[in-house]
Amino acid sequence: VNQARGMFAQARRARDKIDEDGKRAVESLKVAELKNVLDRANALKYPHRSPTIEKIISLIYDTSKDDFVKMQLKASVAQGDRERIVATTIKLREISLGKQTGMFAFRRFSLLIAPEEWA
């Protein structure tokens, strides 16, 4: 009985540690940290997930890429991490430009003279 209690206490400490790490990962929104916490939680095979683990699952699998990057930018600003702010801003602009590639096509430029007029 004491051995079972000891194992249960150890499992509870491991779960609590994972939950603590998960809260920090949710604040930082660093993908590697989020996935690490989720992998550790899945390795425990605990049947009930904490709200923190549910939040991590939602962030990783249910949040669109551009929304997630916007959230990362806010987290970077809150933490004052200038290097990450610059990297995240560049990533966000790349996503934005990638969505609007057709907008920058030469054929859409209204002042461009038609090829037939040049020939």
PDB file of N, CA and C in Angstrom:
ATOM      1  N   VAL A   1       0.829  -1.189   0.000  1.00  0.00           N
ATOM      2  CA  VAL A   1       0.000   0.000   0.000  1.00  0.00           C
ATOM      3  C   VAL A   1       0.877   1.257   0.000  1.00  0.00           C
ATOM      4  N   ASN A   2       1.905   1.263   0.820  1.00  0.00           N
ATOM      5  CA  ASN A   2       2.801   2.429   0.880  1.00  0.00           C
ATOM      6  C   ASN A   2       3.532   2.632  -0.441  1.00  0.00           C
ATOM      7  N   GLN A   3       3.878   1.511  -1.062  1.00  0.00           N
ATOM      8  CA  GLN A   3       4.563   1.607  -2.356  1.00  0.00           C
ATOM      9  C   GLN A   3       3.637   2.227  -3.403  1.00  0.00           C
ATOM     10  N   ALA A   4       2.363   1.839  -3.374  1.00  0.00           N
ATOM     11  CA  ALA A   4       1.382   2.401  -4.312  1.00  0.00           C
ATOM     12  C   ALA A   4       1.184   3.890  -4.047  1.00  0.00           C
ATOM     13  N   ARG A   5       1.130   4.257  -2.787  1.00  0.00           N
ATOM     14  CA  ARG A   5       0.990   5.674  -2.440  1.00  0.00           C
ATOM     15  C   ARG A   5       2.198   6.478  -2.922  1.00  0.00           C
ATOM     16  N   GLY A   6       3.372   5.893  -2.753  1.00  0.00           N
ATOM     17  CA  GLY A   6       4.598   6.547  -3.209  1.00  0.00           C
ATOM     18  C   GLY A   6       4.592   6.745  -4.716  1.00  0.00           C
ATOM     19  N   MET A   7       4.160   5.724  -5.453  1.00  0.00           N
ATOM     20  CA  MET A   7       4.092   5.814  -6.911  1.00  0.00           C
ATOM     21  C   MET A   7       3.056   6.859  -7.337  1.00  0.00           C
ATOM     22  N   PHE A   8       1.920   6.886  -6.613  1.00  0.00           N
ATOM     23  CA  PHE A   8       0.892   7.870  -6.927  1.00  0.00           C
ATOM     24  C   PHE A   8       1.401   9.288  -6.672  1.00  0.00           C
ATOM     25  N   ALA A   9       2.096   9.486  -5.557  1.00  0.00           N
ATOM     26  CA  ALA A   9       2.650  10.805  -5.224  1.00  0.00           C
ATOM     27  C   ALA A   9       3.680  11.233  -6.261  1.00  0.00           C
ATOM     28  N   GLN A  10       4.494  10.278  -6.706  1.00  0.00           N
ATOM     29  CA  GLN A  10       5.503  10.579  -7.725  1.00  0.00           C
ATOM     30  C   GLN A  10       4.829  10.972  -9.047  1.00  0.00           C
ATOM     31  N   ALA A  11       3.780  10.250  -9.413  1.00  0.00           N
ATOM     32  CA  ALA A  11       3.050  10.565 -10.647  1.00  0.00           C
ATOM     33  C   ALA A  11       2.389  11.936 -10.538  1.00  0.00           C
ATOM     34  N   ARG A  12       1.854  12.242  -9.368  1.00  0.00           N
ATOM     35  CA  ARG A  12       1.215  13.546  -9.167  1.00  0.00           C
ATOM     36  C   ARG A  12       2.240  14.675  -9.283  1.00  0.00           C
ATOM     37  N   ARG A  13       3.441  14.478  -8.707  1.00  0.00           N
ATOM     38  CA  ARG A  13       4.501  15.494  -8.806  1.00  0.00           C
ATOM     39  C   ARG A  13       4.916  15.693 -10.266  1.00  0.00           C
ATOM     40  N   ALA A  14       5.026  14.602 -11.001  1.00  0.00           N
ATOM     41  CA  ALA A  14       5.394  14.694 -12.414  1.00  0.00           C
ATOM     42  C   ALA A  14       4.320  15.448 -13.192  1.00  0.00           C
ATOM     43  N   ARG A  15       3.060  15.134 -12.910  1.00  0.00           N
ATOM     44  CA  ARG A  15       1.950  15.822 -13.585  1.00  0.00           C
ATOM     45  C   ARG A  15       1.944  17.309 -13.247  1.00  0.00           C
ATOM     46  N   ASP A  16       2.161  17.635 -11.975  1.00  0.00           N
ATOM     47  CA  ASP A  16       2.178  19.038 -11.551  1.00  0.00           C
ATOM     48  C   ASP A  16       3.337  19.798 -12.196  1.00  0.00           C
ATOM     49  N   LYS A  17       4.492  19.136 -12.314  1.00  0.00           N
ATOM     50  CA  LYS A  17       5.664  19.752 -12.957  1.00  0.00           C
ATOM     51  C   LYS A  17       5.376  20.026 -14.435  1.00  0.00           C
ATOM     52  N   ILE A  18       4.744  19.067 -15.085  1.00  0.00           N
ATOM     53  CA  ILE A  18       4.386  19.243 -16.499  1.00  0.00           C
ATOM     54  C   ILE A  18       3.403  20.396 -16.639  1.00  0.00           C
ATOM     55  N   ASP A  19       2.454  20.484 -15.725  1.00  0.00           N
ATOM     56  CA  ASP A  19       1.472  21.563 -15.775  1.00  0.00           C
ATOM     57  C   ASP A  19       2.136  22.925 -15.557  1.00  0.00           C
ATOM     58  N   GLU A  20       3.073  23.007 -14.639  1.00  0.00           N
ATOM     59  CA  GLU A  20       3.834  24.252 -14.413  1.00  0.00           C
ATOM     60  C   GLU A  20       4.587  24.662 -15.676  1.00  0.00           C
ATOM     61  N   ASP A  21       5.303  23.689 -16.243  1.00  0.00           N
ATOM     62  CA  ASP A  21       6.056  23.955 -17.470  1.00  0.00           C
ATOM     63  C   ASP A  21       5.120  24.365 -18.605  1.00  0.00           C
ATOM     64  N   GLY A  22       3.932  23.761 -18.616  1.00  0.00           N
ATOM     65  CA  GLY A  22       2.942  24.087 -19.640  1.00  0.00           C
ATOM     66  C   GLY A  22       2.471  25.522 -19.524  1.00  0.00           C
ATOM     67  N   LYS A  23       2.268  25.987 -18.304  1.00  0.00           N
ATOM     68  CA  LYS A  23       1.834  27.376 -18.105  1.00  0.00           C
ATOM     69  C   LYS A  23       2.897  28.348 -18.604  1.00  0.00           C
ATOM     70  N   ARG A  24       4.166  28.028 -18.335  1.00  0.00           N
ATOM     71  CA  ARG A  24       5.249  28.886 -18.836  1.00  0.00           C
ATOM     72  C   ARG A  24       5.314  28.836 -20.367  1.00  0.00           C
ATOM     73  N   ALA A  25       5.101  27.653 -20.921  1.00  0.00           N
ATOM     74  CA  ALA A  25       5.147  27.504 -22.382  1.00  0.00           C
ATOM     75  C   ALA A  25       4.000  28.272 -23.043  1.00  0.00           C
ATOM     76  N   VAL A  26       2.828  28.276 -22.417  1.00  0.00           N
ATOM     77  CA  VAL A  26       1.693  29.018 -22.960  1.00  0.00           C
ATOM     78  C   VAL A  26       1.978  30.519 -22.916  1.00  0.00           C
ATOM     79  N   GLU A  27       2.660  30.973 -21.884  1.00  0.00           N
ATOM     80  CA  GLU A  27       3.018  32.396 -21.801  1.00  0.00           C
ATOM     81  C   GLU A  27       4.026  32.787 -22.869  1.00  0.00           C
ATOM     82  N   SER A  28       5.016  31.918 -23.100  1.00  0.00           N
ATOM     83  CA  SER A  28       6.070  32.258 -24.067  1.00  0.00           C
ATOM     84  C   SER A  28       5.650  31.979 -25.509  1.00  0.00           C
ATOM     85  N   LEU A  29       4.768  30.985 -25.690  1.00  0.00           N
ATOM     86  CA  LEU A  29       4.295  30.558 -27.006  1.00  0.00           C
ATOM     87  C   LEU A  29       5.429  30.119 -27.935  1.00  0.00           C
ATOM     88  N   LYS A  30       6.456  29.532 -27.355  1.00  0.00           N
ATOM     89  CA  LYS A  30       7.532  28.960 -28.174  1.00  0.00           C
ATOM     90  C   LYS A  30       7.114  27.537 -28.545  1.00  0.00           C
ATOM     91  N   VAL A  31       7.095  27.260 -29.829  1.00  0.00           N
ATOM     92  CA  VAL A  31       6.570  25.998 -30.340  1.00  0.00           C
ATOM     93  C   VAL A  31       7.304  24.799 -29.752  1.00  0.00           C
ATOM     94  N   ALA A  32       8.623  24.872 -29.685  1.00  0.00           N
ATOM     95  CA  ALA A  32       9.403  23.749 -29.165  1.00  0.00           C
ATOM     96  C   ALA A  32       9.022  23.440 -27.715  1.00  0.00           C
ATOM     97  N   GLU A  33       8.821  24.488 -26.916  1.00  0.00           N
ATOM     98  CA  GLU A  33       8.428  24.288 -25.516  1.00  0.00           C
ATOM     99  C   GLU A  33       7.029  23.699 -25.418  1.00  0.00           C
ATOM    100  N   LEU A  34       6.110  24.207 -26.229  1.00  0.00           N
ATOM    101  CA  LEU A  34       4.741  23.692 -26.214  1.00  0.00           C
ATOM    102  C   LEU A  34       4.710  22.209 -26.580  1.00  0.00           C
ATOM    103  N   LYS A  35       5.439  21.856 -27.637  1.00  0.00           N
ATOM    104  CA  LYS A  35       5.456  20.450 -28.069  1.00  0.00           C
ATOM    105  C   LYS A  35       6.148  19.555 -27.044  1.00  0.00           C
ATOM    106  N   ASN A  36       7.196  20.064 -26.407  1.00  0.00           N
ATOM    107  CA  ASN A  36       7.889  19.297 -25.379  1.00  0.00           C
ATOM    108  C   ASN A  36       6.949  18.972 -24.219  1.00  0.00           C
ATOM    109  N   VAL A  37       6.212  19.961 -23.759  1.00  0.00           N
ATOM    110  CA  VAL A  37       5.269  19.751 -22.657  1.00  0.00           C
ATOM    111  C   VAL A  37       4.193  18.754 -23.074  1.00  0.00           C
ATOM    112  N   LEU A  38       3.676  18.902 -24.280  1.00  0.00           N
ATOM    113  CA  LEU A  38       2.637  17.996 -24.757  1.00  0.00           C
ATOM    114  C   LEU A  38       3.153  16.565 -24.868  1.00  0.00           C
ATOM    115  N   ASP A  39       4.375  16.398 -25.361  1.00  0.00           N
ATOM    116  CA  ASP A  39       4.975  15.057 -25.451  1.00  0.00           C
ATOM    117  C   ASP A  39       5.128  14.433 -24.074  1.00  0.00           C
ATOM    118  N   ARG A  40       5.581  15.240 -23.106  1.00  0.00           N
ATOM    119  CA  ARG A  40       5.742  14.723 -21.741  1.00  0.00           C
ATOM    120  C   ARG A  40       4.396  14.348 -21.132  1.00  0.00           C
ATOM    121  N   ALA A  41       3.372  15.154 -21.391  1.00  0.00           N
ATOM    122  CA  ALA A  41       2.031  14.855 -20.871  1.00  0.00           C
ATOM    123  C   ALA A  41       1.487  13.575 -21.506  1.00  0.00           C
ATOM    124  N   ASN A  42       1.702  13.414 -22.799  1.00  0.00           N
ATOM    125  CA  ASN A  42       1.241  12.201 -23.479  1.00  0.00           C
ATOM    126  C   ASN A  42       1.983  10.961 -22.994  1.00  0.00           C
ATOM    127  N   ALA A  43       3.248  11.132 -22.627  1.00  0.00           N
ATOM    128  CA  ALA A  43       4.039   9.999 -22.133  1.00  0.00           C
ATOM    129  C   ALA A  43       3.507   9.481 -20.794  1.00  0.00           C
ATOM    130  N   LEU A  44       2.888  10.361 -20.004  1.00  0.00           N
ATOM    131  CA  LEU A  44       2.311   9.929 -18.720  1.00  0.00           C
ATOM    132  C   LEU A  44       1.074   9.065 -18.909  1.00  0.00           C
ATOM    133  N   LYS A  45       0.399   9.241 -20.037  1.00  0.00           N
ATOM    134  CA  LYS A  45      -0.835   8.500 -20.339  1.00  0.00           C
ATOM    135  C   LYS A  45      -1.873   8.667 -19.235  1.00  0.00           C
ATOM    136  N   TYR A  46      -1.914   9.866 -18.700  1.00  0.00           N
ATOM    137  CA  TYR A  46      -2.884  10.182 -17.661  1.00  0.00           C
ATOM    138  C   TYR A  46      -4.230  10.420 -18.342  1.00  0.00           C
ATOM    139  N   PRO A  47      -5.314   9.797 -17.871  1.00  0.00           N
ATOM    140  CA  PRO A  47      -6.586   9.875 -18.596  1.00  0.00           C
ATOM    141  C   PRO A  47      -7.238  11.264 -18.624  1.00  0.00           C
ATOM    142  N   HIS A  48      -6.960  12.103 -17.640  1.00  0.00           N
ATOM    143  CA  HIS A  48      -7.589  13.427 -17.592  1.00  0.00           C
ATOM    144  C   HIS A  48      -6.546  14.495 -17.895  1.00  0.00           C
ATOM    145  N   ARG A  49      -6.864  15.352 -18.836  1.00  0.00           N
ATOM    146  CA  ARG A  49      -5.939  16.423 -19.191  1.00  0.00           C
ATOM    147  C   ARG A  49      -6.274  17.674 -18.391  1.00  0.00           C
ATOM    148  N   SER A  50      -5.243  18.385 -18.014  1.00  0.00           N
ATOM    149  CA  SER A  50      -5.444  19.641 -17.298  1.00  0.00           C
ATOM    150  C   SER A  50      -5.875  20.715 -18.296  1.00  0.00           C
ATOM    151  N   PRO A  51      -6.453  21.800 -17.817  1.00  0.00           N
ATOM    152  CA  PRO A  51      -6.811  22.902 -18.722  1.00  0.00           C
ATOM    153  C   PRO A  51      -5.593  23.450 -19.472  1.00  0.00           C
ATOM    154  N   THR A  52      -4.438  23.415 -18.832  1.00  0.00           N
ATOM    155  CA  THR A  52      -3.221  23.907 -19.489  1.00  0.00           C
ATOM    156  C   THR A  52      -2.876  23.035 -20.691  1.00  0.00           C
ATOM    157  N   ILE A  53      -2.952  21.728 -20.536  1.00  0.00           N
ATOM    158  CA  ILE A  53      -2.645  20.808 -21.638  1.00  0.00           C
ATOM    159  C   ILE A  53      -3.686  20.969 -22.741  1.00  0.00           C
ATOM    160  N   GLU A  54      -4.945  21.144 -22.367  1.00  0.00           N
ATOM    161  CA  GLU A  54      -5.995  21.379 -23.366  1.00  0.00           C
ATOM    162  C   GLU A  54      -5.708  22.657 -24.150  1.00  0.00           C
ATOM    163  N   LYS A  55      -5.247  23.681 -23.459  1.00  0.00           N
ATOM    164  CA  LYS A  55      -4.905  24.954 -24.107  1.00  0.00           C
ATOM    165  C   LYS A  55      -3.756  24.759 -25.097  1.00  0.00           C
ATOM    166  N   ILE A  56      -2.743  23.989 -24.696  1.00  0.00           N
ATOM    167  CA  ILE A  56      -1.601  23.720 -25.575  1.00  0.00           C
ATOM    168  C   ILE A  56      -2.063  22.972 -26.823  1.00  0.00           C
ATOM    169  N   ILE A  57      -2.917  21.980 -26.644  1.00  0.00           N
ATOM    170  CA  ILE A  57      -3.442  21.219 -27.791  1.00  0.00           C
ATOM    171  C   ILE A  57      -4.191  22.153 -28.728  1.00  0.00           C
ATOM    172  N   SER A  58      -4.997  23.031 -28.156  1.00  0.00           N
ATOM    173  CA  SER A  58      -5.753  23.992 -28.968  1.00  0.00           C
ATOM    174  C   SER A  58      -4.816  24.932 -29.720  1.00  0.00           C
ATOM    175  N   LEU A  59      -3.787  25.420 -29.046  1.00  0.00           N
ATOM    176  CA  LEU A  59      -2.837  26.331 -29.692  1.00  0.00           C
ATOM    177  C   LEU A  59      -2.120  25.658 -30.853  1.00  0.00           C
ATOM    178  N   ILE A  60      -1.671  24.432 -30.641  1.00  0.00           N
ATOM    179  CA  ILE A  60      -0.872  23.734 -31.656  1.00  0.00           C
ATOM    180  C   ILE A  60      -1.730  23.274 -32.839  1.00  0.00           C
ATOM    181  N   TYR A  61      -2.904  22.716 -32.551  1.00  0.00           N
ATOM    182  CA  TYR A  61      -3.674  22.065 -33.608  1.00  0.00           C
ATOM    183  C   TYR A  61      -4.876  22.863 -34.128  1.00  0.00           C
ATOM    184  N   ASP A  62      -5.399  23.790 -33.339  1.00  0.00           N
ATOM    185  CA  ASP A  62      -6.628  24.474 -33.745  1.00  0.00           C
ATOM    186  C   ASP A  62      -6.442  25.937 -34.125  1.00  0.00           C
ATOM    187  N   THR A  63      -5.296  26.510 -33.824  1.00  0.00           N
ATOM    188  CA  THR A  63      -5.068  27.927 -34.101  1.00  0.00           C
ATOM    189  C   THR A  63      -4.423  28.074 -35.478  1.00  0.00           C
ATOM    190  N   SER A  64      -4.947  29.007 -36.277  1.00  0.00           N
ATOM    191  CA  SER A  64      -4.364  29.224 -37.604  1.00  0.00           C
ATOM    192  C   SER A  64      -2.941  29.759 -37.453  1.00  0.00           C
ATOM    193  N   LYS A  65      -2.159  29.547 -38.494  1.00  0.00           N
ATOM    194  CA  LYS A  65      -0.747  29.932 -38.436  1.00  0.00           C
ATOM    195  C   LYS A  65      -0.584  31.430 -38.205  1.00  0.00           C
ATOM    196  N   ASP A  66      -1.345  32.236 -38.938  1.00  0.00           N
ATOM    197  CA  ASP A  66      -1.179  33.684 -38.774  1.00  0.00           C
ATOM    198  C   ASP A  66      -1.669  34.160 -37.402  1.00  0.00           C
ATOM    199  N   ASP A  67      -2.746  33.577 -36.887  1.00  0.00           N
ATOM    200  CA  ASP A  67      -3.200  33.945 -35.535  1.00  0.00           C
ATOM    201  C   ASP A  67      -2.173  33.545 -34.483  1.00  0.00           C
ATOM    202  N   PHE A  68      -1.570  32.372 -34.667  1.00  0.00           N
ATOM    203  CA  PHE A  68      -0.567  31.902 -33.714  1.00  0.00           C
ATOM    204  C   PHE A  68       0.657  32.820 -33.725  1.00  0.00           C
ATOM    205  N   VAL A  69       1.087  33.234 -34.910  1.00  0.00           N
ATOM    206  CA  VAL A  69       2.250  34.125 -35.014  1.00  0.00           C
ATOM    207  C   VAL A  69       1.926  35.488 -34.397  1.00  0.00           C
ATOM    208  N   LYS A  70       0.691  35.966 -34.578  1.00  0.00           N
ATOM    209  CA  LYS A  70       0.285  37.219 -33.932  1.00  0.00           C
ATOM    210  C   LYS A  70       0.345  37.085 -32.412  1.00  0.00           C
ATOM    211  N   MET A  71      -0.093  35.944 -31.906  1.00  0.00           N
ATOM    212  CA  MET A  71      -0.034  35.699 -30.465  1.00  0.00           C
ATOM    213  C   MET A  71       1.421  35.631 -29.995  1.00  0.00           C
ATOM    214  N   GLN A  72       2.277  35.020 -30.814  1.00  0.00           N
ATOM    215  CA  GLN A  72       3.701  34.954 -30.478  1.00  0.00           C
ATOM    216  C   GLN A  72       4.308  36.356 -30.423  1.00  0.00           C
ATOM    217  N   LEU A  73       3.894  37.211 -31.342  1.00  0.00           N
ATOM    218  CA  LEU A  73       4.404  38.585 -31.361  1.00  0.00           C
ATOM    219  C   LEU A  73       3.998  39.314 -30.081  1.00  0.00           C
ATOM    220  N   LYS A  74       2.755  39.162 -29.671  1.00  0.00           N
ATOM    221  CA  LYS A  74       2.299  39.793 -28.426  1.00  0.00           C
ATOM    222  C   LYS A  74       3.086  39.272 -27.229  1.00  0.00           C
ATOM    223  N   ALA A  75       3.334  37.969 -27.208  1.00  0.00           N
ATOM    224  CA  ALA A  75       4.106  37.379 -26.104  1.00  0.00           C
ATOM    225  C   ALA A  75       5.537  37.910 -26.110  1.00  0.00           C
ATOM    226  N   SER A  76       6.114  38.063 -27.287  1.00  0.00           N
ATOM    227  CA  SER A  76       7.476  38.583 -27.402  1.00  0.00           C
ATOM    228  C   SER A  76       7.565  40.016 -26.905  1.00  0.00           C
ATOM    229  N   VAL A  77       6.576  40.816 -27.255  1.00  0.00           N
ATOM    230  CA  VAL A  77       6.538  42.207 -26.805  1.00  0.00           C
ATOM    231  C   VAL A  77       6.395  42.254 -25.288  1.00  0.00           C
ATOM    232  N   ALA A  78       5.508  41.415 -24.751  1.00  0.00           N
ATOM    233  CA  ALA A  78       5.294  41.384 -23.300  1.00  0.00           C
ATOM    234  C   ALA A  78       6.565  40.985 -22.553  1.00  0.00           C
ATOM    235  N   GLN A  79       7.358  40.112 -23.161  1.00  0.00           N
ATOM    236  CA  GLN A  79       8.594  39.647 -22.529  1.00  0.00           C
ATOM    237  C   GLN A  79       9.771  40.570 -22.829  1.00  0.00           C
ATOM    238  N   GLY A  80       9.603  41.487 -23.764  1.00  0.00           N
ATOM    239  CA  GLY A  80      10.678  42.414 -24.115  1.00  0.00           C
ATOM    240  C   GLY A  80      11.823  41.756 -24.871  1.00  0.00           C
ATOM    241  N   ASP A  81      11.525  40.678 -25.579  1.00  0.00           N
ATOM    242  CA  ASP A  81      12.537  39.935 -26.332  1.00  0.00           C
ATOM    243  C   ASP A  81      12.655  40.534 -27.734  1.00  0.00           C
ATOM    244  N   ARG A  82      13.566  41.501 -27.901  1.00  0.00           N
ATOM    245  CA  ARG A  82      13.694  42.239 -29.169  1.00  0.00           C
ATOM    246  C   ARG A  82      14.029  41.333 -30.348  1.00  0.00           C
ATOM    247  N   GLU A  83      14.911  40.399 -30.145  1.00  0.00           N
ATOM    248  CA  GLU A  83      15.327  39.505 -31.229  1.00  0.00           C
ATOM    249  C   GLU A  83      14.125  38.692 -31.726  1.00  0.00           C
ATOM    250  N   ARG A  84      13.346  38.198 -30.795  1.00  0.00           N
ATOM    251  CA  ARG A  84      12.170  37.408 -31.162  1.00  0.00           C
ATOM    252  C   ARG A  84      11.086  38.297 -31.782  1.00  0.00           C
ATOM    253  N   ILE A  85      10.986  39.544 -31.336  1.00  0.00           N
ATOM    254  CA  ILE A  85      10.018  40.475 -31.918  1.00  0.00           C
ATOM    255  C   ILE A  85      10.322  40.670 -33.398  1.00  0.00           C
ATOM    256  N   VAL A  86      11.582  40.895 -33.723  1.00  0.00           N
ATOM    257  CA  VAL A  86      11.984  41.099 -35.119  1.00  0.00           C
ATOM    258  C   VAL A  86      11.707  39.838 -35.941  1.00  0.00           C
ATOM    259  N   ALA A  87      12.113  38.685 -35.429  1.00  0.00           N
ATOM    260  CA  ALA A  87      11.915  37.427 -36.162  1.00  0.00           C
ATOM    261  C   ALA A  87      10.429  37.142 -36.375  1.00  0.00           C
ATOM    262  N   THR A  88       9.620  37.391 -35.364  1.00  0.00           N
ATOM    263  CA  THR A  88       8.189  37.127 -35.455  1.00  0.00           C
ATOM    264  C   THR A  88       7.511  38.115 -36.407  1.00  0.00           C
ATOM    265  N   THR A  89       7.941  39.368 -36.378  1.00  0.00           N
ATOM    266  CA  THR A  89       7.384  40.370 -37.292  1.00  0.00           C
ATOM    267  C   THR A  89       7.688  39.995 -38.740  1.00  0.00           C
ATOM    268  N   ILE A  90       8.897  39.550 -39.001  1.00  0.00           N
ATOM    269  CA  ILE A  90       9.270  39.126 -40.358  1.00  0.00           C
ATOM    270  C   ILE A  90       8.425  37.929 -40.779  1.00  0.00           C
ATOM    271  N   LYS A  91       8.258  36.983 -39.884  1.00  0.00           N
ATOM    272  CA  LYS A  91       7.453  35.794 -40.181  1.00  0.00           C
ATOM    273  C   LYS A  91       6.007  36.187 -40.479  1.00  0.00           C
ATOM    274  N   LEU A  92       5.464  37.118 -39.716  1.00  0.00           N
ATOM    275  CA  LEU A  92       4.094  37.576 -39.916  1.00  0.00           C
ATOM    276  C   LEU A  92       3.944  38.276 -41.271  1.00  0.00           C
ATOM    277  N   ARG A  93       4.936  39.081 -41.640  1.00  0.00           N
ATOM    278  CA  ARG A  93       4.891  39.755 -42.957  1.00  0.00           C
ATOM    279  C   ARG A  93       4.986  38.752 -44.095  1.00  0.00           C
ATOM    280  N   GLU A  94       5.807  37.722 -43.920  1.00  0.00           N
ATOM    281  CA  GLU A  94       5.918  36.684 -44.952  1.00  0.00           C
ATOM    282  C   GLU A  94       4.586  35.970 -45.141  1.00  0.00           C
ATOM    283  N   ILE A  95       3.903  35.688 -44.039  1.00  0.00           N
ATOM    284  CA  ILE A  95       2.596  35.032 -44.124  1.00  0.00           C
ATOM    285  C   ILE A  95       1.607  35.944 -44.835  1.00  0.00           C
ATOM    286  N   SER A  96       1.625  37.223 -44.477  1.00  0.00           N
ATOM    287  CA  SER A  96       0.724  38.207 -45.084  1.00  0.00           C
ATOM    288  C   SER A  96       0.968  38.319 -46.586  1.00  0.00           C
ATOM    289  N   LEU A  97       2.215  38.453 -46.956  1.00  0.00           N
ATOM    290  CA  LEU A  97       2.546  38.575 -48.380  1.00  0.00           C
ATOM    291  C   LEU A  97       2.228  37.289 -49.132  1.00  0.00           C
ATOM    292  N   GLY A  98       2.417  36.155 -48.475  1.00  0.00           N
ATOM    293  CA  GLY A  98       2.095  34.879 -49.104  1.00  0.00           C
ATOM    294  C   GLY A  98       0.617  34.741 -49.416  1.00  0.00           C
ATOM    295  N   LYS A  99      -0.222  35.311 -48.579  1.00  0.00           N
ATOM    296  CA  LYS A  99      -1.670  35.262 -48.811  1.00  0.00           C
ATOM    297  C   LYS A  99      -2.094  36.187 -49.944  1.00  0.00           C
ATOM    298  N   GLN A 100      -1.321  37.222 -50.193  1.00  0.00           N
ATOM    299  CA  GLN A 100      -1.720  38.240 -51.161  1.00  0.00           C
ATOM    300  C   GLN A 100      -0.822  38.261 -52.390  1.00  0.00           C
ATOM    301  N   THR A 101      -0.314  37.108 -52.778  1.00  0.00           N
ATOM    302  CA  THR A 101       0.615  37.070 -53.912  1.00  0.00           C
ATOM    303  C   THR A 101      -0.020  37.567 -55.198  1.00  0.00           C
ATOM    304  N   GLY A 102      -1.291  37.275 -55.425  1.00  0.00           N
ATOM    305  CA  GLY A 102      -1.974  37.709 -56.641  1.00  0.00           C
ATOM    306  C   GLY A 102      -2.088  39.220 -56.738  1.00  0.00           C
ATOM    307  N   MET A 103      -2.082  39.874 -55.613  1.00  0.00           N
ATOM    308  CA  MET A 103      -2.211  41.325 -55.581  1.00  0.00           C
ATOM    309  C   MET A 103      -0.997  42.021 -56.209  1.00  0.00           C
ATOM    310  N   PHE A 104       0.137  41.345 -56.205  1.00  0.00           N
ATOM    311  CA  PHE A 104       1.364  41.948 -56.701  1.00  0.00           C
ATOM    312  C   PHE A 104       1.732  41.493 -58.112  1.00  0.00           C
ATOM    313  N   ALA A 105       0.821  40.836 -58.803  1.00  0.00           N
ATOM    314  CA  ALA A 105       1.077  40.388 -60.175  1.00  0.00           C
ATOM    315  C   ALA A 105       1.101  41.602 -61.104  1.00  0.00           C
ATOM    316  N   PHE A 106       2.043  41.606 -62.047  1.00  0.00           N
ATOM    317  CA  PHE A 106       2.162  42.733 -62.971  1.00  0.00           C
ATOM    318  C   PHE A 106       0.890  42.936 -63.785  1.00  0.00           C
ATOM    319  N   ARG A 107       0.222  41.883 -64.134  1.00  0.00           N
ATOM    320  CA  ARG A 107      -0.977  41.994 -64.974  1.00  0.00           C
ATOM    321  C   ARG A 107      -2.104  42.744 -64.253  1.00  0.00           C
ATOM    322  N   ARG A 108      -2.050  42.815 -62.961  1.00  0.00           N
ATOM    323  CA  ARG A 108      -3.093  43.508 -62.195  1.00  0.00           C
ATOM    324  C   ARG A 108      -2.817  45.011 -62.093  1.00  0.00           C
ATOM    325  N   PHE A 109      -1.637  45.447 -62.503  1.00  0.00           N
ATOM    326  CA  PHE A 109      -1.282  46.864 -62.442  1.00  0.00           C
ATOM    327  C   PHE A 109      -2.027  47.606 -63.544  1.00  0.00           C
ATOM    328  N   SER A 110      -2.903  48.528 -63.150  1.00  0.00           N
ATOM    329  CA  SER A 110      -3.804  49.177 -64.112  1.00  0.00           C
ATOM    330  C   SER A 110      -3.087  50.118 -65.086  1.00  0.00           C
ATOM    331  N   LEU A 111      -1.936  50.642 -64.730  1.00  0.00           N
ATOM    332  CA  LEU A 111      -1.238  51.584 -65.608  1.00  0.00           C
ATOM    333  C   LEU A 111      -0.277  50.899 -66.583  1.00  0.00           C
ATOM    334  N   LEU A 112      -0.231  49.579 -66.526  1.00  0.00           N
ATOM    335  CA  LEU A 112       0.643  48.826 -67.418  1.00  0.00           C
ATOM    336  C   LEU A 112       0.021  48.757 -68.812  1.00  0.00           C
ATOM    337  N   ILE A 113       0.826  49.013 -69.835  1.00  0.00           N
ATOM    338  CA  ILE A 113       0.329  48.992 -71.207  1.00  0.00           C
ATOM    339  C   ILE A 113       0.224  47.537 -71.666  1.00  0.00           C
ATOM    340  N   ALA A 114      -0.865  47.209 -72.339  1.00  0.00           N
ATOM    341  CA  ALA A 114      -1.128  45.841 -72.805  1.00  0.00           C
ATOM    342  C   ALA A 114      -0.065  45.425 -73.814  1.00  0.00           C
ATOM    343  N   PRO A 115       0.319  44.136 -73.843  1.00  0.00           N
ATOM    344  CA  PRO A 115       1.341  43.653 -74.796  1.00  0.00           C
ATOM    345  C   PRO A 115       0.944  43.888 -76.254  1.00  0.00           C
ATOM    346  N   GLU A 116      -0.364  43.841 -76.562  1.00  0.00           N
ATOM    347  CA  GLU A 116      -0.824  44.046 -77.925  1.00  0.00           C
ATOM    348  C   GLU A 116      -0.521  45.467 -78.409  1.00  0.00           C
ATOM    349  N   GLU A 117      -0.564  46.423 -77.499  1.00  0.00           N
ATOM    350  CA  GLU A 117      -0.298  47.812 -77.863  1.00  0.00           C
ATOM    351  C   GLU A 117       1.184  48.042 -78.172  1.00  0.00           C
ATOM    352  N   TRP A 118       2.032  47.244 -77.589  1.00  0.00           N
ATOM    353  CA  TRP A 118       3.476  47.389 -77.813  1.00  0.00           C
ATOM    354  C   TRP A 118       3.899  46.734 -79.124  1.00  0.00           C
ATOM    355  N   ALA A 119       3.162  45.753 -79.550  1.00  0.00           N
ATOM    356  CA  ALA A 119       3.588  44.998 -80.746  1.00  0.00           C
ATOM    357  C   ALA A 119       3.255  45.684 -82.034  1.00  0.00           C
TER     358      ALA A 119
END
